[in-house]
Structures are given as C-alpha cells and as structure tokens.
C-alpha cells in the first residue's frame, strides 16, 4: 500500500471556452474560478489556506498559469 501523500493535490484545470477554470481537490470538484483570487477563496472554503496560489506547491495549473484567463480579460489588473 502506498504511503499517504503529504499534501492535497489541487488542480486548476485548463480554461473553458468562457475562460473560467474548474478547481478540484484529489479529483473532487471544489468550484469554478474566474480569477486567481477565486482560486484562493475556493481553497479557503475547503479549509486549505494557501497564501499565494500562484507560487504554491499545492496547486497545479493546467493549460496556463495563474495569469491565464482567456475570455475574461476584464478581470485582469494591469
């Protein structure tokens, strides 16, 4: 039997056509984000307090990083 993982596996999935991104924890859906701040809030609600989702070993970004929200450019700060 494999030893338990030390940290949960959080995935921010590839952007959907509308630019939103699903967030899962060990394949369990946690929510849908439209900005990196949403990811932090979704994780907080799941009792995972990550202070910097962009640079955390707990968060895997698929299909682009924390600044990639195609179709949702109005959410970006310059």
Protein backbone atom coordinates (compact mmCIF):
# COMPACT_ATOMS: atom_id res chain seq x y z
CA UNK A 1 0.00 0.00 0.00
CA UNK A 2 1.34 3.43 -0.95
CA UNK A 3 2.04 5.93 1.81
CA UNK A 4 -0.45 8.81 2.05
CA UNK A 5 0.50 11.99 0.26
CA UNK A 6 1.75 14.80 2.46
CA UNK A 7 -0.24 17.48 0.68
CA UNK A 8 -3.58 17.56 -1.09
CA UNK A 9 -3.44 17.68 -4.87
CA UNK A 10 -5.26 20.82 -6.04
CA UNK A 11 -5.68 21.26 -9.80
CA UNK A 12 -6.77 24.43 -11.58
CA UNK A 13 -7.88 22.98 -14.90
CA UNK A 14 -7.45 24.28 -18.44
CA UNK A 15 -9.71 27.29 -19.14
CA UNK A 16 -13.17 26.55 -20.51
CA UNK A 17 -14.47 28.39 -23.57
CA UNK A 18 -15.74 31.21 -21.35
CA UNK A 19 -12.34 31.49 -19.61
CA UNK A 20 -13.46 30.01 -16.30
CA UNK A 21 -11.42 27.23 -14.73
CA UNK A 22 -12.56 24.26 -12.66
CA UNK A 23 -10.77 23.69 -9.36
CA UNK A 24 -10.52 20.17 -7.98
CA UNK A 25 -9.00 18.56 -4.90
CA UNK A 26 -7.86 14.99 -5.48
CA UNK A 27 -10.40 14.80 -8.35
CA UNK A 28 -13.23 16.15 -6.14
CA UNK A 29 -14.81 19.32 -7.60
CA UNK A 30 -14.37 22.36 -5.37
CA UNK A 31 -15.68 25.12 -7.61
CA UNK A 32 -15.21 27.27 -10.68
CA UNK A 33 -12.85 30.23 -10.71
CA UNK A 34 -12.70 33.28 -12.97
CA UNK A 35 -9.57 34.77 -11.38
CA UNK A 36 -6.67 33.66 -9.18
CA UNK A 37 -8.38 35.35 -6.22
CA UNK A 38 -11.33 32.99 -6.76
CA UNK A 39 -8.94 30.04 -6.51
CA UNK A 40 -7.67 31.32 -3.16
CA UNK A 41 -11.25 31.75 -1.89
CA UNK A 42 -12.32 28.29 -3.12
CA UNK A 43 -9.35 26.78 -1.28
CA UNK A 44 -10.11 28.80 1.86
CA UNK A 45 -13.68 27.46 1.84
CA UNK A 46 -12.21 23.95 1.60
CA UNK A 47 -10.09 24.70 4.72
CA UNK A 48 -6.90 24.92 2.64
CA UNK A 49 -5.31 28.22 3.47
CA UNK A 50 -2.88 28.97 0.65
CA UNK A 51 -1.45 32.48 0.86
CA UNK A 52 -0.02 32.54 -2.68
CA UNK A 53 -1.86 30.26 -5.11
CA UNK A 54 0.44 31.36 -7.94
CA UNK A 55 3.55 30.03 -6.21
CA UNK A 56 2.26 27.17 -4.09
CA UNK A 57 3.46 23.57 -4.37
CA UNK A 58 -0.11 22.52 -3.52
CA UNK A 59 -1.62 23.98 -6.71
CA UNK A 60 -1.11 22.53 -10.18
CA UNK A 61 -2.02 24.90 -13.01
CA UNK A 62 -3.06 23.13 -16.22
CA UNK A 63 -3.41 24.87 -19.57
CA UNK A 64 -1.78 28.07 -18.38
CA UNK A 65 -0.69 29.74 -15.19
CA UNK A 66 -2.45 31.96 -12.68
CA UNK A 67 -2.47 34.89 -15.13
CA UNK A 68 -4.16 32.93 -17.95
CA UNK A 69 -7.89 33.57 -18.02
CA UNK A 70 -8.71 33.84 -21.75
CA UNK A 71 -12.05 35.49 -22.42
CA UNK A 72 -12.04 37.10 -19.01
CA UNK A 73 -9.61 39.96 -19.64
CA UNK A 74 -11.83 42.40 -17.74
CA UNK A 75 -10.73 40.63 -14.54
CA UNK A 76 -7.04 41.28 -15.16
CA UNK A 77 -5.25 44.09 -13.42
CA UNK A 78 -2.60 45.87 -15.47
